Amino acid sequence: MQNYFVLLTKVGQARLSEVIAAGEQLNMSHIKLGECNQPGAE
């Protein structure tokens, strides 16, 4: 089974914390998807 996760930037982490604290909805205008199947990249 594959494991998936989200890796947020520091700006993304700060914004997510702000909206959670305020009980607001997070609107995202850009996301990047990718995979890292390179040895030693974990």
N, C-alpha and C. Protein backbone atom coordinates (compact mmCIF):
# COMPACT_ATOMS: atom_id res chain seq x y z
N MET A 1 0.84 -1.18 0.00
CA MET A 1 0.00 0.00 0.00
C MET A 1 0.89 1.25 0.00
N GLN A 2 0.52 2.23 -0.79
CA GLN A 2 1.25 3.49 -0.87
C GLN A 2 0.90 4.40 0.30
N ASN A 3 1.88 5.13 0.78
CA ASN A 3 1.65 6.14 1.80
C ASN A 3 1.79 7.51 1.16
N TYR A 4 0.85 8.39 1.41
CA TYR A 4 0.87 9.73 0.86
C TYR A 4 0.93 10.73 1.99
N PHE A 5 1.52 11.88 1.73
CA PHE A 5 1.61 12.92 2.75
C PHE A 5 1.68 14.28 2.09
N VAL A 6 1.50 15.30 2.89
CA VAL A 6 1.58 16.69 2.43
C VAL A 6 2.82 17.31 3.03
N LEU A 7 3.56 18.02 2.21
CA LEU A 7 4.73 18.74 2.67
C LEU A 7 4.46 20.22 2.43
N LEU A 8 4.20 20.95 3.50
CA LEU A 8 3.88 22.38 3.39
C LEU A 8 5.13 23.23 3.52
N THR A 9 5.14 24.36 2.82
CA THR A 9 6.20 25.33 3.00
C THR A 9 5.97 26.04 4.33
N LYS A 10 6.94 26.82 4.79
CA LYS A 10 6.76 27.58 6.03
C LYS A 10 5.61 28.57 5.91
N VAL A 11 5.44 29.17 4.74
CA VAL A 11 4.32 30.08 4.51
C VAL A 11 3.00 29.31 4.57
N GLY A 12 2.97 28.13 3.97
CA GLY A 12 1.77 27.30 4.00
C GLY A 12 1.42 26.85 5.41
N GLN A 13 2.43 26.49 6.20
CA GLN A 13 2.21 26.09 7.59
C GLN A 13 1.62 27.25 8.39
N ALA A 14 2.16 28.46 8.19
CA ALA A 14 1.67 29.63 8.92
C ALA A 14 0.23 29.94 8.53
N ARG A 15 -0.06 29.89 7.25
CA ARG A 15 -1.42 30.20 6.78
C ARG A 15 -2.41 29.17 7.28
N LEU A 16 -2.04 27.90 7.25
CA LEU A 16 -2.92 26.85 7.75
C LEU A 16 -3.21 27.04 9.23
N SER A 17 -2.19 27.39 9.99
CA SER A 17 -2.38 27.65 11.42
C SER A 17 -3.33 28.81 11.64
N GLU A 18 -3.20 29.86 10.83
CA GLU A 18 -4.08 31.04 10.95
C GLU A 18 -5.54 30.68 10.70
N VAL A 19 -5.81 29.95 9.63
CA VAL A 19 -7.20 29.64 9.31
C VAL A 19 -7.81 28.65 10.30
N ILE A 20 -7.00 27.73 10.80
CA ILE A 20 -7.52 26.80 11.82
C ILE A 20 -7.88 27.56 13.08
N ALA A 21 -7.01 28.46 13.51
CA ALA A 21 -7.26 29.25 14.73
C ALA A 21 -8.49 30.14 14.57
N ALA A 22 -8.71 30.66 13.38
CA ALA A 22 -9.83 31.56 13.13
C ALA A 22 -11.11 30.81 12.75
N GLY A 23 -11.01 29.50 12.56
CA GLY A 23 -12.17 28.72 12.16
C GLY A 23 -12.63 29.03 10.74
N GLU A 24 -11.70 29.46 9.90
CA GLU A 24 -12.02 29.82 8.52
C GLU A 24 -11.73 28.67 7.57
N GLN A 25 -12.09 28.88 6.31
CA GLN A 25 -11.82 27.91 5.26
C GLN A 25 -10.53 28.30 4.57
N LEU A 26 -9.70 27.31 4.25
CA LEU A 26 -8.45 27.56 3.54
C LEU A 26 -8.70 27.42 2.04
N ASN A 27 -8.44 28.49 1.30
CA ASN A 27 -8.56 28.47 -0.16
C ASN A 27 -7.17 28.38 -0.75
N MET A 28 -6.95 27.38 -1.59
CA MET A 28 -5.64 27.21 -2.23
C MET A 28 -5.77 27.54 -3.71
N SER A 29 -4.84 28.36 -4.20
CA SER A 29 -4.86 28.70 -5.61
C SER A 29 -3.85 27.87 -6.40
N HIS A 30 -2.82 27.33 -5.73
CA HIS A 30 -1.80 26.55 -6.40
C HIS A 30 -1.39 25.36 -5.52
N ILE A 31 -1.24 24.22 -6.13
CA ILE A 31 -0.65 23.07 -5.44
C ILE A 31 0.28 22.38 -6.43
N LYS A 32 1.26 21.70 -5.90
CA LYS A 32 2.16 20.90 -6.74
C LYS A 32 2.07 19.46 -6.28
N LEU A 33 2.01 18.57 -7.23
CA LEU A 33 1.98 17.14 -6.96
C LEU A 33 3.21 16.52 -7.58
N GLY A 34 3.73 15.53 -6.93
CA GLY A 34 4.89 14.87 -7.49
C GLY A 34 5.17 13.60 -6.74
N GLU A 35 6.21 12.94 -7.18
CA GLU A 35 6.64 11.73 -6.51
C GLU A 35 8.15 11.77 -6.39
N CYS A 36 8.61 11.03 -5.45
CA CYS A 36 10.06 11.00 -5.25
C CYS A 36 10.46 9.54 -5.13
N ASN A 37 10.79 8.97 -6.23
CA ASN A 37 11.19 7.57 -6.25
C ASN A 37 12.69 7.43 -6.38
N GLN A 38 13.44 8.43 -5.91
CA GLN A 38 14.87 8.38 -6.01
C GLN A 38 15.47 7.78 -4.75
N PRO A 39 16.43 6.86 -4.88
CA PRO A 39 17.07 6.27 -3.70
C PRO A 39 17.70 7.34 -2.81
N GLY A 40 17.49 7.21 -1.51
CA GLY A 40 18.08 8.14 -0.56
C GLY A 40 17.31 9.45 -0.41
N ALA A 41 16.17 9.58 -1.04
CA ALA A 41 15.42 10.84 -0.99
C ALA A 41 14.42 10.89 0.16
N GLU A 42 14.34 9.83 0.97
CA GLU A 42 13.38 9.82 2.07
C GLU A 42 13.76 10.82 3.11
